[in-house]
Amino acid sequence: MRLLILGGTEFVGRAVTEAALARDVQVTVFHRGHHSPPPGTTELFGDRTTADGLAALAAAGEDGWDLVVDTWSGAPSAVRDAARLLADRAGRYVYVSSRSVYAYPAPAGLPEDGPLVTGASPDAGAEVSYPLAKRGGELAALDAFGDRALLARAGLILGPWENIGRLPWWLRRIARGGPVMAPGTPDTPLQYIDARDLANWLLDAAERGLHGPYNLVSRPGHATMGELLDACVRATGSDAVLRWTPAEKILAAGVEPWTDLPVWLPPGEVHDTMHRGDVSRAYAAGLHCRPVGETVTDTWNWLCRLGGTAPQRPDRPVVGLDPETEAKLLT
C-alpha cells in the first residue's frame, strides 16, 4: 500500500506513520519541515496555510496513493484544497476529526448520527472555533471523496508523542512525589484512546474500505481516574500519595477541569459529553484499546528518553495546575 500522510511528524500523525512503516507500507510524509518524521519515509515539504503551499504535493506522486491520512485541525479550507487536489490521485481519504463536531451538550450514549454543530463550512478560514473547524474539515473530505472518505471522530487521545501535555503533566507532577491533589473520586470513568490504537484502527479500516463517521475512543469506563493516576505512580516509581479532593472544593477554588487538571471532568453534562459516548460501531469494526497501564508506562518511558520535557503545540495552551494553588487545596 502507498500511504500519504499530511503531517506525520507529531502525535497522531507520527503514530500513523510508525504503524504504517511497521506494516512495510510505502509512506510519503507531507509536512512543513519543523520536525523530522521516522526514518524510512519519503518527505515532501509545504505549508498548507500559504498560497502555493501544496506545490510540492501537486508535482509529486505520479502513480498516486492508495490512502491519504489527514490530521489537520486548522482552517477547513486547507483540507478542502488538499482533498480536491488528491481526489483523482488517491483511493481513500481518512480525516482525523473529533467528537467535538457534535452539538453541545452531547448526551451520554450519543452515536454517530447525533446532532452536529451548525454553521460549519469547508471554505472557512482559521478564524472558526475548533468544533466548526473539524466539522468543516469533514465536509471538505466528503465533498472531494464522497463514500471514499472515512471520518475518525476521536475523543481524548493519550500516549507517546503527545504534544498537548495532558498525560505528560500528570506523569511529571506525580514523579515529583509527595501529596498530589487527585480530583473528584477514583471511580470516575474515563473514555480515551491511545494514539497507537487509533493509528492501527485507521489503517485496518481503510484497507477494508470503511467510510463515513466513527466515534473512536475506548468504551466508557475502559479506565477510571483512579486507575490512570495509580498507573502514573507505578510507572514513575514515585512516593506520591494521591489525596482525593471533592469536585465541589476544586470548583469553588476556581480550578478549571480539563485545563488545570488535565483529563478530569466533574460529573454532569460536560463529563457525559467527553467520557460517555457510544463507540459500539467502532468496536464492531475491530477497534481494540490497550490497558491504561501500558499507555501510561510507554508515555513515561518516552518522556524519560526526551529528558522529561514533552513537545508542546504552539496553538494549544499549556495545561496543568499551579503548584501554589495545589498546595492551598491540599491544606
Protein backbone atom coordinates (compact mmCIF):
# COMPACT_ATOMS: atom_id res chain seq x y z
CA MET A 1 0.00 0.00 0.00
CA ARG A 2 1.12 3.54 -0.76
CA LEU A 3 0.22 5.97 2.00
CA LEU A 4 0.35 9.75 2.02
CA ILE A 5 0.23 11.41 5.44
CA LEU A 6 -0.48 15.11 5.61
CA GLY A 7 1.55 15.87 8.72
CA GLY A 8 3.04 12.69 10.08
CA THR A 9 5.74 14.04 12.37
CA GLU A 10 3.88 14.65 15.66
CA PHE A 11 1.47 12.75 17.92
CA VAL A 12 -1.36 11.11 15.92
CA GLY A 13 0.31 11.65 12.57
CA ARG A 14 3.52 10.15 13.85
CA ALA A 15 1.66 7.20 15.35
CA VAL A 16 0.07 6.52 11.96
CA THR A 17 3.45 6.85 10.24
CA GLU A 18 5.13 4.40 12.61
CA ALA A 19 2.24 1.92 12.42
CA ALA A 20 2.33 2.02 8.63
CA LEU A 21 6.10 1.56 8.46
CA ALA A 22 5.78 -1.46 10.76
CA ARG A 23 3.48 -2.96 8.11
CA ASP A 24 6.00 -2.31 5.32
CA VAL A 25 3.75 0.34 3.81
CA GLN A 26 5.35 2.88 1.47
CA VAL A 27 4.89 6.16 3.36
CA THR A 28 5.13 9.67 1.98
CA VAL A 29 5.02 12.45 4.57
CA PHE A 30 3.96 15.96 3.53
CA HIS A 31 4.90 18.49 6.21
CA ARG A 32 6.41 21.90 6.89
CA GLY A 33 9.81 20.62 7.96
CA HIS A 34 9.57 21.72 11.60
CA HIS A 35 10.03 18.16 12.88
CA SER A 36 11.64 15.05 11.47
CA PRO A 37 9.47 12.05 10.55
CA PRO A 38 10.54 8.49 11.41
CA PRO A 39 13.28 7.02 9.18
CA GLY A 40 12.05 5.18 6.14
CA THR A 41 9.62 7.78 4.81
CA THR A 42 9.67 9.89 1.67
CA GLU A 43 9.40 13.57 2.53
CA LEU A 44 7.58 16.36 0.71
CA PHE A 45 7.65 19.89 2.08
CA GLY A 46 5.00 22.57 2.04
CA ASP A 47 2.88 24.86 4.18
CA ARG A 48 -0.85 24.40 3.66
CA THR A 49 -1.57 27.88 5.02
CA THR A 50 0.22 29.64 2.16
CA ALA A 51 -0.96 30.33 -1.38
CA ASP A 52 1.41 27.86 -3.05
CA GLY A 53 1.76 25.54 -0.08
CA LEU A 54 0.66 22.42 -1.98
CA ALA A 55 3.05 22.90 -4.90
CA ALA A 56 5.37 20.04 -3.90
CA LEU A 57 2.39 17.75 -3.42
CA ALA A 58 0.94 18.68 -6.80
CA ALA A 59 4.23 17.89 -8.52
CA ALA A 60 4.78 14.52 -6.83
CA GLY A 61 3.20 11.12 -6.81
CA GLU A 62 2.57 10.43 -10.47
CA ASP A 63 1.29 6.99 -9.52
CA GLY A 64 -0.85 8.41 -6.74
CA TRP A 65 -1.56 6.88 -3.36
CA ASP A 66 -3.90 4.22 -2.11
CA LEU A 67 -4.66 6.14 1.07
CA VAL A 68 -4.37 9.65 2.47
CA VAL A 69 -4.48 10.35 6.22
CA ASP A 70 -5.08 13.97 7.20
CA THR A 71 -4.82 15.13 10.84
CA TRP A 72 -5.32 18.85 10.15
CA SER A 73 -7.14 20.81 12.86
CA GLY A 74 -6.90 24.34 11.47
CA ALA A 75 -8.77 26.11 8.69
CA PRO A 76 -11.17 23.77 6.86
CA SER A 77 -10.14 25.41 3.58
CA ALA A 78 -6.75 23.68 3.91
CA VAL A 79 -8.50 20.29 3.99
CA ARG A 80 -10.65 21.38 1.06
CA ASP A 81 -7.66 22.31 -1.10
CA ALA A 82 -5.69 19.15 -0.32
CA ALA A 83 -8.68 16.84 -0.78
CA ARG A 84 -9.60 18.41 -4.11
CA LEU A 85 -6.02 18.11 -5.32
CA LEU A 86 -5.88 14.44 -4.35
CA ALA A 87 -9.40 13.33 -5.31
CA ASP A 88 -8.27 11.76 -8.58
CA ARG A 89 -4.86 10.67 -7.30
CA ALA A 90 -5.75 8.77 -4.14
CA GLY A 91 -8.01 5.84 -3.42
CA ARG A 92 -9.32 6.78 0.01
CA TYR A 93 -9.13 9.74 2.39
CA VAL A 94 -9.09 9.43 6.18
CA TYR A 95 -9.77 12.65 8.03
CA VAL A 96 -8.94 12.58 11.74
CA SER A 97 -11.82 14.59 13.11
CA SER A 98 -13.16 14.99 16.63
CA ARG A 99 -16.18 14.22 18.75
CA SER A 100 -16.30 17.98 19.22
CA VAL A 101 -18.33 18.10 15.98
CA TYR A 102 -21.44 17.09 17.94
CA ALA A 103 -23.78 19.81 19.15
CA TYR A 104 -23.06 20.62 22.78
CA PRO A 105 -24.04 19.21 25.18
CA ALA A 106 -23.85 15.71 23.74
CA PRO A 107 -25.91 13.33 25.89
CA ALA A 108 -24.44 10.11 27.22
CA GLY A 109 -24.56 7.32 24.67
CA LEU A 110 -24.66 9.60 21.63
CA PRO A 111 -23.92 7.62 18.42
CA GLU A 112 -22.54 8.88 15.10
CA ASP A 113 -25.93 10.06 13.81
CA GLY A 114 -26.37 12.51 16.68
CA PRO A 115 -26.92 16.24 16.02
CA LEU A 116 -23.87 18.14 14.79
CA VAL A 117 -22.69 21.72 15.18
CA THR A 118 -24.30 24.12 12.77
CA GLY A 119 -22.67 26.75 10.62
CA ALA A 120 -19.64 24.72 9.52
CA SER A 121 -18.22 25.27 6.04
CA PRO A 122 -15.40 23.63 4.07
CA ASP A 123 -14.45 27.11 2.86
CA ALA A 124 -13.91 28.59 6.33
CA GLY A 125 -10.59 30.01 7.41
CA ALA A 126 -8.64 29.75 10.63
CA GLU A 127 -10.96 32.12 12.49
CA VAL A 128 -13.58 29.47 13.27
CA SER A 129 -13.86 27.54 16.54
CA TYR A 130 -12.38 24.07 16.92
CA PRO A 131 -15.75 22.27 16.54
CA LEU A 132 -16.56 24.23 13.38
CA ALA A 133 -13.03 23.68 12.03
CA LYS A 134 -13.27 19.93 12.46
CA ARG A 135 -16.79 19.72 11.02
CA GLY A 136 -15.72 21.94 8.13
CA GLY A 137 -12.81 19.55 7.51
CA GLU A 138 -15.25 16.64 7.45
CA LEU A 139 -17.40 18.42 4.88
CA ALA A 140 -14.33 19.13 2.76
CA ALA A 141 -13.27 15.47 2.79
CA LEU A 142 -16.79 14.30 1.96
CA ASP A 143 -17.14 16.81 -0.85
CA ALA A 144 -13.98 15.59 -2.60
CA PHE A 145 -14.06 11.86 -1.79
CA GLY A 146 -17.71 11.03 -1.01
CA ASP A 147 -18.04 7.43 0.16
CA ARG A 148 -14.27 7.04 -0.11
CA ALA A 149 -13.89 9.30 2.94
CA LEU A 150 -13.53 7.93 6.47
CA LEU A 151 -14.22 10.38 9.31
CA ALA A 152 -12.41 9.37 12.50
CA ARG A 153 -14.14 11.24 15.32
CA ALA A 154 -11.57 10.82 18.04
CA GLY A 155 -12.12 11.94 21.61
CA LEU A 156 -9.41 12.33 24.22
CA ILE A 157 -6.13 11.00 22.78
CA LEU A 158 -3.24 9.92 25.00
CA GLY A 159 0.04 8.09 24.55
CA PRO A 160 3.64 8.63 23.47
CA TRP A 161 4.37 11.73 21.36
CA GLU A 162 1.52 13.66 22.98
CA ASN A 163 2.09 17.36 22.30
CA ILE A 164 -0.93 18.68 24.21
CA GLY A 165 0.55 17.95 27.64
CA ARG A 166 -2.30 16.18 29.45
CA LEU A 167 -0.80 12.82 30.44
CA PRO A 168 2.75 14.23 30.45
CA TRP A 169 1.67 16.79 33.07
CA TRP A 170 0.25 14.13 35.39
CA LEU A 171 3.36 12.00 34.97
CA ARG A 172 5.73 14.86 35.75
CA ARG A 173 3.64 16.01 38.70
CA ILE A 174 3.41 12.54 40.23
CA ALA A 175 7.11 11.91 39.58
CA ARG A 176 7.88 14.87 41.90
CA GLY A 177 6.27 12.89 44.71
CA GLY A 178 4.63 13.95 47.92
CA PRO A 179 0.92 14.66 48.36
CA VAL A 180 -0.81 15.02 45.00
CA MET A 181 -4.27 16.51 44.65
CA ALA A 182 -6.38 13.90 42.85
CA PRO A 183 -9.65 15.33 41.55
CA GLY A 184 -13.09 14.03 42.44
CA THR A 185 -13.40 10.33 43.14
CA PRO A 186 -11.17 7.49 41.92
CA ASP A 187 -14.10 5.66 40.30
CA THR A 188 -14.78 8.48 37.79
CA PRO A 189 -14.96 6.72 34.39
CA LEU A 190 -12.75 7.85 31.52
CA GLN A 191 -13.11 7.45 27.78
CA TYR A 192 -10.00 7.98 25.67
CA ILE A 193 -7.84 6.29 23.04
CA ASP A 194 -4.13 5.59 22.78
CA ALA A 195 -2.81 7.26 19.61
CA ARG A 196 -1.28 3.94 18.54
CA ASP A 197 -4.61 2.12 18.80
CA LEU A 198 -6.20 4.91 16.79
CA ALA A 199 -3.49 4.60 14.15
CA ASN A 200 -3.82 0.84 13.78
CA TRP A 201 -7.60 1.02 13.54
CA LEU A 202 -7.39 3.70 10.84
CA LEU A 203 -5.09 1.58 8.69
CA ASP A 204 -7.21 -1.55 9.17
CA ALA A 205 -10.43 0.34 8.43
CA ALA A 206 -9.03 1.93 5.29
CA GLU A 207 -7.85 -1.43 3.97
CA ARG A 208 -11.38 -2.77 4.49
CA GLY A 209 -12.93 0.17 2.67
CA LEU A 210 -14.86 1.56 5.64
CA HIS A 211 -16.28 5.03 5.19
CA GLY A 212 -18.37 7.60 6.99
CA PRO A 213 -18.13 8.69 10.64
CA TYR A 214 -16.86 6.58 13.54
CA ASN A 215 -16.53 7.60 17.18
CA LEU A 216 -13.03 6.49 18.12
CA VAL A 217 -12.36 6.22 21.82
CA SER A 218 -12.44 3.39 24.32
CA ARG A 219 -15.66 2.20 25.87
CA PRO A 220 -16.82 4.41 28.79
CA GLY A 221 -15.02 3.23 31.90
CA HIS A 222 -12.24 1.46 30.00
CA ALA A 223 -10.24 3.10 32.79
CA THR A 224 -11.07 5.30 35.74
CA MET A 225 -9.35 8.41 37.02
CA GLY A 226 -8.03 6.35 39.90
CA GLU A 227 -6.61 3.68 37.61
CA LEU A 228 -4.95 6.32 35.44
CA LEU A 229 -3.26 8.08 38.37
CA ASP A 230 -2.32 4.80 40.10
CA ALA A 231 -0.65 3.76 36.85
CA CYS A 232 1.29 7.05 36.88
CA VAL A 233 2.53 6.31 40.41
CA ARG A 234 3.67 2.81 39.39
CA ALA A 235 5.29 3.91 36.13
CA THR A 236 7.31 6.70 37.72
CA GLY A 237 8.25 4.74 40.84
CA SER A 238 7.23 7.79 42.84
CA ASP A 239 6.42 8.10 46.54
CA ALA A 240 3.43 10.28 45.59
CA VAL A 241 0.31 9.96 47.74
CA LEU A 242 -2.96 10.69 45.97
CA ARG A 243 -5.24 12.96 48.00
CA TRP A 244 -8.72 12.63 46.51
CA THR A 245 -10.42 16.00 46.72
CA PRO A 246 -14.18 16.62 46.27
CA ALA A 247 -15.14 18.22 42.98
CA GLU A 248 -17.08 20.93 44.84
CA LYS A 249 -13.96 22.10 46.67
CA ILE A 250 -11.92 22.15 43.46
CA LEU A 251 -14.51 24.14 41.52
CA ALA A 252 -15.06 26.58 44.39
CA ALA A 253 -11.34 27.39 44.31
CA GLY A 254 -11.63 28.45 40.66
CA VAL A 255 -9.65 25.48 39.35
CA GLU A 256 -10.60 24.63 35.78
CA PRO A 257 -11.30 20.99 34.94
CA TRP A 258 -9.62 19.68 31.78
CA THR A 259 -7.07 22.50 31.63
CA ASP A 260 -5.80 22.98 35.21
CA LEU A 261 -6.48 19.29 35.91
CA PRO A 262 -6.00 17.54 32.57
CA VAL A 263 -8.26 14.63 31.58
CA TRP A 264 -10.59 15.15 34.57
CA LEU A 265 -14.13 16.46 34.27
CA PRO A 266 -16.65 16.63 37.13
CA PRO A 267 -19.91 14.67 36.88
CA GLY A 268 -22.56 16.30 34.69
CA GLU A 269 -23.15 17.21 31.07
CA VAL A 270 -19.52 18.05 30.33
CA HIS A 271 -18.38 14.66 31.61
CA ASP A 272 -21.17 12.91 29.70
CA THR A 273 -20.13 14.72 26.51
CA MET A 274 -16.47 13.70 26.73
CA HIS A 275 -16.48 10.39 28.58
CA ARG A 276 -19.76 8.61 27.80
CA GLY A 277 -20.07 8.46 24.01
CA ASP A 278 -21.36 5.45 22.06
CA VAL A 279 -18.47 3.59 20.41
CA SER A 280 -20.27 0.38 19.51
CA ARG A 281 -19.82 0.99 15.78
CA ALA A 282 -16.03 1.27 16.04
CA TYR A 283 -15.76 -1.78 18.29
CA ALA A 284 -17.90 -3.78 15.88
CA ALA A 285 -15.40 -2.71 13.22
CA GLY A 286 -12.43 -4.08 15.17
CA LEU A 287 -11.32 -1.30 17.50
CA HIS A 288 -9.02 -2.57 20.25
CA CYS A 289 -7.83 -0.41 23.14
CA ARG A 290 -4.82 -1.43 25.20
CA PRO A 291 -4.81 -1.32 29.02
CA VAL A 292 -4.30 2.06 30.65
CA GLY A 293 -1.13 0.85 32.37
CA GLU A 294 0.53 0.21 29.03
CA THR A 295 -0.33 3.67 27.73
CA VAL A 296 0.95 5.34 30.90
CA THR A 297 4.18 3.31 31.13
CA ASP A 298 5.05 3.80 27.46
CA THR A 299 4.38 7.53 27.71
CA TRP A 300 6.62 7.81 30.79
CA ASN A 301 9.42 5.89 29.06
CA TRP A 302 9.12 8.18 26.06
CA LEU A 303 9.24 11.25 28.31
CA CYS A 304 12.36 9.93 30.01
CA ARG A 305 14.06 9.49 26.62
CA LEU A 306 13.31 13.17 25.94
CA GLY A 307 14.78 14.25 29.26
CA GLY A 308 11.38 14.77 30.90
CA THR A 309 10.05 17.60 28.72
CA ALA A 310 7.30 16.82 26.22
CA PRO A 311 6.82 18.79 23.00
CA GLN A 312 4.11 21.46 23.13
CA ARG A 313 1.90 22.53 20.25
CA PRO A 314 2.19 26.32 19.90
CA ASP A 315 -1.51 26.66 19.10
CA ARG A 316 -2.65 24.97 22.34
CA PRO A 317 -2.47 26.40 25.88
CA VAL A 318 -0.13 24.86 28.41
CA VAL A 319 -2.13 22.69 30.82
CA GLY A 320 -1.63 21.85 34.48
CA LEU A 321 -2.33 23.12 37.97
CA ASP A 322 -0.26 25.85 39.54
CA PRO A 323 1.79 24.39 42.46
CA GLU A 324 0.71 27.15 44.85
CA THR A 325 -2.97 26.54 44.13
CA GLU A 326 -2.48 22.81 44.64
CA ALA A 327 -0.70 23.40 47.96
CA LYS A 328 -3.55 25.59 49.23
CA LEU A 329 -6.15 22.99 48.27
CA LEU A 330 -4.17 20.24 49.94
CA THR A 331 -4.13 22.15 53.24
